[in-house]
Amino acid sequence: MSRKSILYCLRIVIVTVIFSVGYLFGSLTHHSANADWSTIGEEALKEATGGSGALGSVAQLGTAITDMEKHVSGLQQNLDTLKKVKAALGGK
């Protein structure tokens, strides 16, 4: 083999080894990304709530409904707890 072909093969081997080592270490230290989209929606809704006109009114209504839903869910959990306590005490 000529000197040029040996150097060409050596370059290919070096690049392949570097890529393989990088891929190996990259796959060993893989970190998954998590995004919390709920806060982004809440921030956008809060910004729209401050506006005037129909968009502001609709945003305020959406915020009020969301707050009511949270309160109703909390009340439902409290009712479930009370039912468990009542059943444990032997009441109907």
PDB file of N, CA and C in Angstrom:
ATOM      1  N   MET A   1       0.839  -1.167   0.000  1.00  0.00           N
ATOM      2  CA  MET A   1       0.000   0.000   0.000  1.00  0.00           C
ATOM      3  C   MET A   1       0.892   1.241   0.000  1.00  0.00           C
ATOM      4  N   SER A   2       0.375   2.239  -0.631  1.00  0.00           N
ATOM      5  CA  SER A   2       1.157   3.463  -0.689  1.00  0.00           C
ATOM      6  C   SER A   2       0.987   4.256   0.607  1.00  0.00           C
ATOM      7  N   ARG A   3       1.849   5.215   0.769  1.00  0.00           N
ATOM      8  CA  ARG A   3       1.844   6.018   1.991  1.00  0.00           C
ATOM      9  C   ARG A   3       0.539   6.817   2.117  1.00  0.00           C
ATOM     10  N   LYS A   4      -0.007   7.302   0.985  1.00  0.00           N
ATOM     11  CA  LYS A   4      -1.256   8.071   1.013  1.00  0.00           C
ATOM     12  C   LYS A   4      -2.421   7.213   1.477  1.00  0.00           C
ATOM     13  N   SER A   5      -2.512   6.003   0.995  1.00  0.00           N
ATOM     14  CA  SER A   5      -3.636   5.153   1.396  1.00  0.00           C
ATOM     15  C   SER A   5      -3.523   4.744   2.865  1.00  0.00           C
ATOM     16  N   ILE A   6      -2.324   4.580   3.375  1.00  0.00           N
ATOM     17  CA  ILE A   6      -2.159   4.264   4.795  1.00  0.00           C
ATOM     18  C   ILE A   6      -2.620   5.447   5.646  1.00  0.00           C
ATOM     19  N   LEU A   7      -2.234   6.671   5.267  1.00  0.00           N
ATOM     20  CA  LEU A   7      -2.671   7.858   6.006  1.00  0.00           C
ATOM     21  C   LEU A   7      -4.189   8.040   5.919  1.00  0.00           C
ATOM     22  N   TYR A   8      -4.761   7.767   4.759  1.00  0.00           N
ATOM     23  CA  TYR A   8      -6.203   7.881   4.579  1.00  0.00           C
ATOM     24  C   TYR A   8      -6.928   6.878   5.481  1.00  0.00           C
ATOM     25  N   CYS A   9      -6.470   5.644   5.516  1.00  0.00           N
ATOM     26  CA  CYS A   9      -7.079   4.618   6.370  1.00  0.00           C
ATOM     27  C   CYS A   9      -6.904   4.979   7.843  1.00  0.00           C
ATOM     28  N   LEU A  10      -5.754   5.527   8.209  1.00  0.00           N
ATOM     29  CA  LEU A  10      -5.498   5.925   9.582  1.00  0.00           C
ATOM     30  C   LEU A  10      -6.446   7.047  10.010  1.00  0.00           C
ATOM     31  N   ARG A  11      -6.704   8.003   9.120  1.00  0.00           N
ATOM     32  CA  ARG A  11      -7.656   9.079   9.418  1.00  0.00           C
ATOM     33  C   ARG A  11      -9.060   8.520   9.652  1.00  0.00           C
ATOM     34  N   ILE A  12      -9.456   7.596   8.808  1.00  0.00           N
ATOM     35  CA  ILE A  12     -10.789   7.004   8.945  1.00  0.00           C
ATOM     36  C   ILE A  12     -10.905   6.267  10.276  1.00  0.00           C
ATOM     37  N   VAL A  13      -9.876   5.546  10.638  1.00  0.00           N
ATOM     38  CA  VAL A  13      -9.878   4.817  11.901  1.00  0.00           C
ATOM     39  C   VAL A  13      -9.938   5.790  13.078  1.00  0.00           C
ATOM     40  N   ILE A  14      -9.166   6.870  13.024  1.00  0.00           N
ATOM     41  CA  ILE A  14      -9.151   7.853  14.116  1.00  0.00           C
ATOM     42  C   ILE A  14     -10.516   8.513  14.261  1.00  0.00           C
ATOM     43  N   VAL A  15     -11.111   8.922  13.155  1.00  0.00           N
ATOM     44  CA  VAL A  15     -12.435   9.556  13.206  1.00  0.00           C
ATOM     45  C   VAL A  15     -13.475   8.576  13.737  1.00  0.00           C
ATOM     46  N   THR A  16     -13.404   7.332  13.321  1.00  0.00           N
ATOM     47  CA  THR A  16     -14.346   6.311  13.788  1.00  0.00           C
ATOM     48  C   THR A  16     -14.189   6.068  15.282  1.00  0.00           C
ATOM     49  N   VAL A  17     -12.964   6.013  15.764  1.00  0.00           N
ATOM     50  CA  VAL A  17     -12.716   5.797  17.192  1.00  0.00           C
ATOM     51  C   VAL A  17     -13.226   6.987  18.001  1.00  0.00           C
ATOM     52  N   ILE A  18     -12.959   8.191  17.534  1.00  0.00           N
ATOM     53  CA  ILE A  18     -13.421   9.390  18.252  1.00  0.00           C
ATOM     54  C   ILE A  18     -14.945   9.419  18.298  1.00  0.00           C
ATOM     55  N   PHE A  19     -15.596   9.130  17.184  1.00  0.00           N
ATOM     56  CA  PHE A  19     -17.056   9.111  17.153  1.00  0.00           C
ATOM     57  C   PHE A  19     -17.599   8.037  18.096  1.00  0.00           C
ATOM     58  N   SER A  20     -17.003   6.854  18.064  1.00  0.00           N
ATOM     59  CA  SER A  20     -17.476   5.748  18.901  1.00  0.00           C
ATOM     60  C   SER A  20     -17.328   6.067  20.382  1.00  0.00           C
ATOM     61  N   VAL A  21     -16.206   6.644  20.775  1.00  0.00           N
ATOM     62  CA  VAL A  21     -15.995   6.998  22.176  1.00  0.00           C
ATOM     63  C   VAL A  21     -16.986   8.082  22.595  1.00  0.00           C
ATOM     64  N   GLY A  22     -17.211   9.071  21.755  1.00  0.00           N
ATOM     65  CA  GLY A  22     -18.176  10.119  22.066  1.00  0.00           C
ATOM     66  C   GLY A  22     -19.585   9.579  22.178  1.00  0.00           C
ATOM     67  N   TYR A  23     -19.941   8.680  21.282  1.00  0.00           N
ATOM     68  CA  TYR A  23     -21.273   8.077  21.326  1.00  0.00           C
ATOM     69  C   TYR A  23     -21.441   7.250  22.594  1.00  0.00           C
ATOM     70  N   LEU A  24     -20.419   6.500  22.953  1.00  0.00           N
ATOM     71  CA  LEU A  24     -20.484   5.667  24.150  1.00  0.00           C
ATOM     72  C   LEU A  24     -20.658   6.524  25.403  1.00  0.00           C
ATOM     73  N   PHE A  25     -19.817   7.533  25.567  1.00  0.00           N
ATOM     74  CA  PHE A  25     -19.927   8.383  26.744  1.00  0.00           C
ATOM     75  C   PHE A  25     -21.213   9.208  26.725  1.00  0.00           C
ATOM     76  N   GLY A  26     -21.657   9.607  25.560  1.00  0.00           N
ATOM     77  CA  GLY A  26     -22.918  10.344  25.462  1.00  0.00           C
ATOM     78  C   GLY A  26     -24.107   9.499  25.841  1.00  0.00           C
ATOM     79  N   SER A  27     -24.082   8.228  25.493  1.00  0.00           N
ATOM     80  CA  SER A  27     -25.203   7.358  25.836  1.00  0.00           C
ATOM     81  C   SER A  27     -25.166   6.949  27.300  1.00  0.00           C
ATOM     82  N   LEU A  28     -23.991   6.939  27.915  1.00  0.00           N
ATOM     83  CA  LEU A  28     -23.899   6.586  29.327  1.00  0.00           C
ATOM     84  C   LEU A  28     -24.375   7.724  30.225  1.00  0.00           C
ATOM     85  N   THR A  29     -24.176   8.960  29.794  1.00  0.00           N
ATOM     86  CA  THR A  29     -24.536  10.109  30.614  1.00  0.00           C
ATOM     87  C   THR A  29     -25.762  10.827  30.059  1.00  0.00           C
ATOM     88  N   HIS A  30     -26.695  10.072  29.520  1.00  0.00           N
ATOM     89  CA  HIS A  30     -27.900  10.650  28.921  1.00  0.00           C
ATOM     90  C   HIS A  30     -28.817  11.185  30.016  1.00  0.00           C
ATOM     91  N   HIS A  31     -29.260  12.430  29.883  1.00  0.00           N
ATOM     92  CA  HIS A  31     -30.180  13.050  30.821  1.00  0.00           C
ATOM     93  C   HIS A  31     -31.467  13.358  30.083  1.00  0.00           C
ATOM     94  N   SER A  32     -32.576  12.979  30.682  1.00  0.00           N
ATOM     95  CA  SER A  32     -33.859  13.279  30.053  1.00  0.00           C
ATOM     96  C   SER A  32     -34.321  14.666  30.475  1.00  0.00           C
ATOM     97  N   ALA A  33     -35.021  15.306  29.589  1.00  0.00           N
ATOM     98  CA  ALA A  33     -35.515  16.663  29.852  1.00  0.00           C
ATOM     99  C   ALA A  33     -36.990  16.596  30.218  1.00  0.00           C
ATOM    100  N   ASN A  34     -37.363  17.348  31.218  1.00  0.00           N
ATOM    101  CA  ASN A  34     -38.751  17.429  31.642  1.00  0.00           C
ATOM    102  C   ASN A  34     -39.181  18.886  31.622  1.00  0.00           C
ATOM    103  N   ALA A  35     -40.338  19.115  31.052  1.00  0.00           N
ATOM    104  CA  ALA A  35     -40.859  20.483  30.986  1.00  0.00           C
ATOM    105  C   ALA A  35     -42.188  20.538  31.719  1.00  0.00           C
ATOM    106  N   ASP A  36     -42.377  21.567  32.489  1.00  0.00           N
ATOM    107  CA  ASP A  36     -43.629  21.767  33.197  1.00  0.00           C
ATOM    108  C   ASP A  36     -44.445  22.808  32.438  1.00  0.00           C
ATOM    109  N   TRP A  37     -45.333  22.323  31.575  1.00  0.00           N
ATOM    110  CA  TRP A  37     -46.108  23.215  30.715  1.00  0.00           C
ATOM    111  C   TRP A  37     -47.236  23.901  31.462  1.00  0.00           C
ATOM    112  N   SER A  38     -47.601  23.396  32.632  1.00  0.00           N
ATOM    113  CA  SER A  38     -48.731  23.995  33.341  1.00  0.00           C
ATOM    114  C   SER A  38     -48.423  25.428  33.771  1.00  0.00           C
ATOM    115  N   THR A  39     -47.183  25.688  34.176  1.00  0.00           N
ATOM    116  CA  THR A  39     -46.844  27.048  34.608  1.00  0.00           C
ATOM    117  C   THR A  39     -46.818  28.014  33.432  1.00  0.00           C
ATOM    118  N   ILE A  40     -46.456  27.526  32.261  1.00  0.00           N
ATOM    119  CA  ILE A  40     -46.420  28.398  31.080  1.00  0.00           C
ATOM    120  C   ILE A  40     -47.827  28.853  30.722  1.00  0.00           C
ATOM    121  N   GLY A  41     -48.786  27.936  30.772  1.00  0.00           N
ATOM    122  CA  GLY A  41     -50.172  28.287  30.475  1.00  0.00           C
ATOM    123  C   GLY A  41     -50.742  29.251  31.495  1.00  0.00           C
ATOM    124  N   GLU A  42     -50.391  29.037  32.764  1.00  0.00           N
ATOM    125  CA  GLU A  42     -50.881  29.933  33.808  1.00  0.00           C
ATOM    126  C   GLU A  42     -50.321  31.340  33.634  1.00  0.00           C
ATOM    127  N   GLU A  43     -49.047  31.438  33.270  1.00  0.00           N
ATOM    128  CA  GLU A  43     -48.434  32.752  33.063  1.00  0.00           C
ATOM    129  C   GLU A  43     -49.092  33.485  31.893  1.00  0.00           C
ATOM    130  N   ALA A  44     -49.349  32.767  30.813  1.00  0.00           N
ATOM    131  CA  ALA A  44     -49.990  33.382  29.653  1.00  0.00           C
ATOM    132  C   ALA A  44     -51.402  33.842  30.009  1.00  0.00           C
ATOM    133  N   LEU A  45     -52.110  33.030  30.802  1.00  0.00           N
ATOM    134  CA  LEU A  45     -53.462  33.393  31.205  1.00  0.00           C
ATOM    135  C   LEU A  45     -53.440  34.613  32.114  1.00  0.00           C
ATOM    136  N   LYS A  46     -52.464  34.698  33.010  1.00  0.00           N
ATOM    137  CA  LYS A  46     -52.365  35.864  33.894  1.00  0.00           C
ATOM    138  C   LYS A  46     -52.077  37.135  33.109  1.00  0.00           C
ATOM    139  N   GLU A  47     -51.238  37.019  32.068  1.00  0.00           N
ATOM    140  CA  GLU A  47     -50.950  38.188  31.231  1.00  0.00           C
ATOM    141  C   GLU A  47     -52.190  38.624  30.473  1.00  0.00           C
ATOM    142  N   ALA A  48     -52.960  37.665  29.972  1.00  0.00           N
ATOM    143  CA  ALA A  48     -54.169  38.005  29.217  1.00  0.00           C
ATOM    144  C   ALA A  48     -55.243  38.570  30.140  1.00  0.00           C
ATOM    145  N   THR A  49     -55.245  38.143  31.397  1.00  0.00           N
ATOM    146  CA  THR A  49     -56.240  38.631  32.351  1.00  0.00           C
ATOM    147  C   THR A  49     -56.099  40.127  32.581  1.00  0.00           C
ATOM    148  N   GLY A  50     -54.886  40.626  32.541  1.00  0.00           N
ATOM    149  CA  GLY A  50     -54.651  42.049  32.764  1.00  0.00           C
ATOM    150  C   GLY A  50     -55.117  42.919  31.615  1.00  0.00           C
ATOM    151  N   GLY A  51     -55.396  42.330  30.465  1.00  0.00           N
ATOM    152  CA  GLY A  51     -55.804  43.102  29.297  1.00  0.00           C
ATOM    153  C   GLY A  51     -57.239  43.568  29.392  1.00  0.00           C
ATOM    154  N   SER A  52     -57.588  44.459  28.496  1.00  0.00           N
ATOM    155  CA  SER A  52     -58.952  44.972  28.481  1.00  0.00           C
ATOM    156  C   SER A  52     -59.679  44.393  27.279  1.00  0.00           C
ATOM    157  N   GLY A  53     -60.968  44.595  27.251  1.00  0.00           N
ATOM    158  CA  GLY A  53     -61.768  44.128  26.129  1.00  0.00           C
ATOM    159  C   GLY A  53     -62.239  42.700  26.335  1.00  0.00           C
ATOM    160  N   ALA A  54     -62.648  42.093  25.227  1.00  0.00           N
ATOM    161  CA  ALA A  54     -63.224  40.749  25.293  1.00  0.00           C
ATOM    162  C   ALA A  54     -62.194  39.713  25.733  1.00  0.00           C
ATOM    163  N   LEU A  55     -60.965  39.858  25.264  1.00  0.00           N
ATOM    164  CA  LEU A  55     -59.931  38.886  25.623  1.00  0.00           C
ATOM    165  C   LEU A  55     -59.653  38.908  27.121  1.00  0.00           C
ATOM    166  N   GLY A  56     -59.597  40.080  27.696  1.00  0.00           N
ATOM    167  CA  GLY A  56     -59.381  40.197  29.137  1.00  0.00           C
ATOM    168  C   GLY A  56     -60.516  39.586  29.933  1.00  0.00           C
ATOM    169  N   SER A  57     -61.755  39.817  29.479  1.00  0.00           N
ATOM    170  CA  SER A  57     -62.927  39.265  30.172  1.00  0.00           C
ATOM    171  C   SER A  57     -62.957  37.746  30.095  1.00  0.00           C
ATOM    172  N   VAL A  58     -62.671  37.231  28.923  1.00  0.00           N
ATOM    173  CA  VAL A  58     -62.658  35.777  28.744  1.00  0.00           C
ATOM    174  C   VAL A  58     -61.533  35.158  29.576  1.00  0.00           C
ATOM    175  N   ALA A  59     -60.394  35.816  29.630  1.00  0.00           N
ATOM    176  CA  ALA A  59     -59.278  35.308  30.424  1.00  0.00           C
ATOM    177  C   ALA A  59     -59.631  35.319  31.912  1.00  0.00           C
ATOM    178  N   GLN A  60     -60.338  36.362  32.372  1.00  0.00           N
ATOM    179  CA  GLN A  60     -60.758  36.414  33.775  1.00  0.00           C
ATOM    180  C   GLN A  60     -61.759  35.308  34.078  1.00  0.00           C
ATOM    181  N   LEU A  61     -62.657  35.049  33.134  1.00  0.00           N
ATOM    182  CA  LEU A  61     -63.622  33.970  33.315  1.00  0.00           C
ATOM    183  C   LEU A  61     -62.900  32.626  33.385  1.00  0.00           C
ATOM    184  N   GLY A  62     -61.918  32.433  32.504  1.00  0.00           N
ATOM    185  CA  GLY A  62     -61.149  31.187  32.521  1.00  0.00           C
ATOM    186  C   GLY A  62     -60.400  31.005  33.823  1.00  0.00           C
ATOM    187  N   THR A  63     -59.841  32.083  34.345  1.00  0.00           N
ATOM    188  CA  THR A  63     -59.139  32.018  35.625  1.00  0.00           C
ATOM    189  C   THR A  63     -60.105  31.678  36.753  1.00  0.00           C
ATOM    190  N   ALA A  64     -61.284  32.298  36.737  1.00  0.00           N
ATOM    191  CA  ALA A  64     -62.278  32.028  37.779  1.00  0.00           C
ATOM    192  C   ALA A  64     -62.737  30.573  37.727  1.00  0.00           C
ATOM    193  N   ILE A  65     -62.970  30.048  36.535  1.00  0.00           N
ATOM    194  CA  ILE A  65     -63.402  28.653  36.391  1.00  0.00           C
ATOM    195  C   ILE A  65     -62.310  27.702  36.870  1.00  0.00           C
ATOM    196  N   THR A  66     -61.073  28.001  36.542  1.00  0.00           N
ATOM    197  CA  THR A  66     -59.960  27.167  36.980  1.00  0.00           C
ATOM    198  C   THR A  66     -59.850  27.164  38.496  1.00  0.00           C
ATOM    199  N   ASP A  67     -59.999  28.338  39.122  1.00  0.00           N
ATOM    200  CA  ASP A  67     -59.955  28.420  40.578  1.00  0.00           C
ATOM    201  C   ASP A  67     -61.108  27.645  41.214  1.00  0.00           C
ATOM    202  N   MET A  68     -62.308  27.772  40.633  1.00  0.00           N
ATOM    203  CA  MET A  68     -63.459  27.035  41.156  1.00  0.00           C
ATOM    204  C   MET A  68     -63.239  25.533  41.044  1.00  0.00           C
ATOM    205  N   GLU A  69     -62.661  25.100  39.943  1.00  0.00           N
ATOM    206  CA  GLU A  69     -62.403  23.674  39.748  1.00  0.00           C
ATOM    207  C   GLU A  69     -61.432  23.146  40.805  1.00  0.00           C
ATOM    208  N   LYS A  70     -60.411  23.933  41.125  1.00  0.00           N
ATOM    209  CA  LYS A  70     -59.458  23.527  42.169  1.00  0.00           C
ATOM    210  C   LYS A  70     -60.161  23.409  43.518  1.00  0.00           C
ATOM    211  N   HIS A  71     -61.050  24.368  43.827  1.00  0.00           N
ATOM    212  CA  HIS A  71     -61.762  24.336  45.101  1.00  0.00           C
ATOM    213  C   HIS A  71     -62.716  23.152  45.160  1.00  0.00           C
ATOM    214  N   VAL A  72     -63.420  22.874  44.069  1.00  0.00           N
ATOM    215  CA  VAL A  72     -64.352  21.744  44.039  1.00  0.00           C
ATOM    216  C   VAL A  72     -63.591  20.431  44.207  1.00  0.00           C
ATOM    217  N   SER A  73     -62.434  20.309  43.578  1.00  0.00           N
ATOM    218  CA  SER A  73     -61.625  19.093  43.735  1.00  0.00           C
ATOM    219  C   SER A  73     -61.191  18.918  45.181  1.00  0.00           C
ATOM    220  N   GLY A  74     -60.800  20.014  45.820  1.00  0.00           N
ATOM    221  CA  GLY A  74     -60.419  19.952  47.231  1.00  0.00           C
ATOM    222  C   GLY A  74     -61.588  19.558  48.111  1.00  0.00           C
ATOM    223  N   LEU A  75     -62.763  20.114  47.829  1.00  0.00           N
ATOM    224  CA  LEU A  75     -63.957  19.757  48.600  1.00  0.00           C
ATOM    225  C   LEU A  75     -64.325  18.293  48.399  1.00  0.00           C
ATOM    226  N   GLN A  76     -64.177  17.795  47.190  1.00  0.00           N
ATOM    227  CA  GLN A  76     -64.497  16.398  46.914  1.00  0.00           C
ATOM    228  C   GLN A  76     -63.565  15.476  47.687  1.00  0.00           C
ATOM    229  N   GLN A  77     -62.297  15.841  47.777  1.00  0.00           N
ATOM    230  CA  GLN A  77     -61.351  15.040  48.564  1.00  0.00           C
ATOM    231  C   GLN A  77     -61.745  15.062  50.043  1.00  0.00           C
ATOM    232  N   ASN A  78     -62.173  16.220  50.530  1.00  0.00           N
ATOM    233  CA  ASN A  78     -62.607  16.315  51.924  1.00  0.00           C
ATOM    234  C   ASN A  78     -63.853  15.467  52.170  1.00  0.00           C
ATOM    235  N   LEU A  79     -64.788  15.459  51.228  1.00  0.00           N
ATOM    236  CA  LEU A  79     -65.984  14.632  51.365  1.00  0.00           C
ATOM    237  C   LEU A  79     -65.633  13.148  51.380  1.00  0.00           C
ATOM    238  N   ASP A  80     -64.711  12.755  50.530  1.00  0.00           N
ATOM    239  CA  ASP A  80     -64.272  11.356  50.512  1.00  0.00           C
ATOM    240  C   ASP A  80     -63.654  10.966  51.852  1.00  0.00           C
ATOM    241  N   THR A  81     -62.872  11.860  52.424  1.00  0.00           N
ATOM    242  CA  THR A  81     -62.263  11.601  53.725  1.00  0.00           C
ATOM    243  C   THR A  81     -63.332  11.470  54.807  1.00  0.00           C
ATOM    244  N   LEU A  82     -64.309  12.371  54.772  1.00  0.00           N
ATOM    245  CA  LEU A  82     -65.401  12.304  55.759  1.00  0.00           C
ATOM    246  C   LEU A  82     -66.201  11.012  55.623  1.00  0.00           C
ATOM    247  N   LYS A  83     -66.421  10.560  54.399  1.00  0.00           N
ATOM    248  CA  LYS A  83     -67.149   9.297  54.186  1.00  0.00           C
ATOM    249  C   LYS A  83     -66.368   8.118  54.742  1.00  0.00           C
ATOM    250  N   LYS A  84     -65.045   8.141  54.590  1.00  0.00           N
ATOM    251  CA  LYS A  84     -64.214   7.050  55.135  1.00  0.00           C
ATOM    252  C   LYS A  84     -64.270   7.057  56.663  1.00  0.00           C
ATOM    253  N   VAL A  85     -64.208   8.237  57.256  1.00  0.00           N
ATOM    254  CA  VAL A  85     -64.264   8.348  58.715  1.00  0.00           C
ATOM    255  C   VAL A  85     -65.627   7.866  59.212  1.00  0.00           C
ATOM    256  N   LYS A  86     -66.687   8.274  58.521  1.00  0.00           N
ATOM    257  CA  LYS A  86     -68.041   7.875  58.902  1.00  0.00           C
ATOM    258  C   LYS A  86     -68.198   6.369  58.796  1.00  0.00           C
ATOM    259  N   ALA A  87     -67.659   5.768  57.746  1.00  0.00           N
ATOM    260  CA  ALA A  87     -67.746   4.319  57.581  1.00  0.00           C
ATOM    261  C   ALA A  87     -66.928   3.594  58.654  1.00  0.00           C
ATOM    262  N   ALA A  88     -65.795   4.165  59.011  1.00  0.00           N
ATOM    263  CA  ALA A  88     -64.957   3.559  60.045  1.00  0.00           C
ATOM    264  C   ALA A  88     -65.643   3.625  61.413  1.00  0.00           C
ATOM    265  N   LEU A  89     -66.439   4.670  61.648  1.00  0.00           N
ATOM    266  CA  LEU A  89     -67.146   4.809  62.927  1.00  0.00           C
ATOM    267  C   LEU A  89     -68.422   3.975  62.961  1.00  0.00           C
ATOM    268  N   GLY A  90     -68.794   3.390  61.843  1.00  0.00           N
ATOM    269  CA  GLY A  90     -69.962   2.528  61.808  1.00  0.00           C
ATOM    270  C   GLY A  90     -71.235   3.240  61.410  1.00  0.00           C
ATOM    271  N   GLY A  91     -71.133   4.449  60.936  1.00  0.00           N
ATOM    272  CA  GLY A  91     -72.322   5.171  60.503  1.00  0.00           C
ATOM    273  C   GLY A  91     -72.671   4.833  59.073  1.00  0.00           C
ATOM    274  N   LYS A  92     -73.921   5.141  58.717  1.00  0.00           N
ATOM    275  CA  LYS A  92     -74.345   4.869  57.343  1.00  0.00           C
ATOM    276  C   LYS A  92     -74.060   6.017  56.445  1.00  0.00           C
TER     277      LYS A  92
END
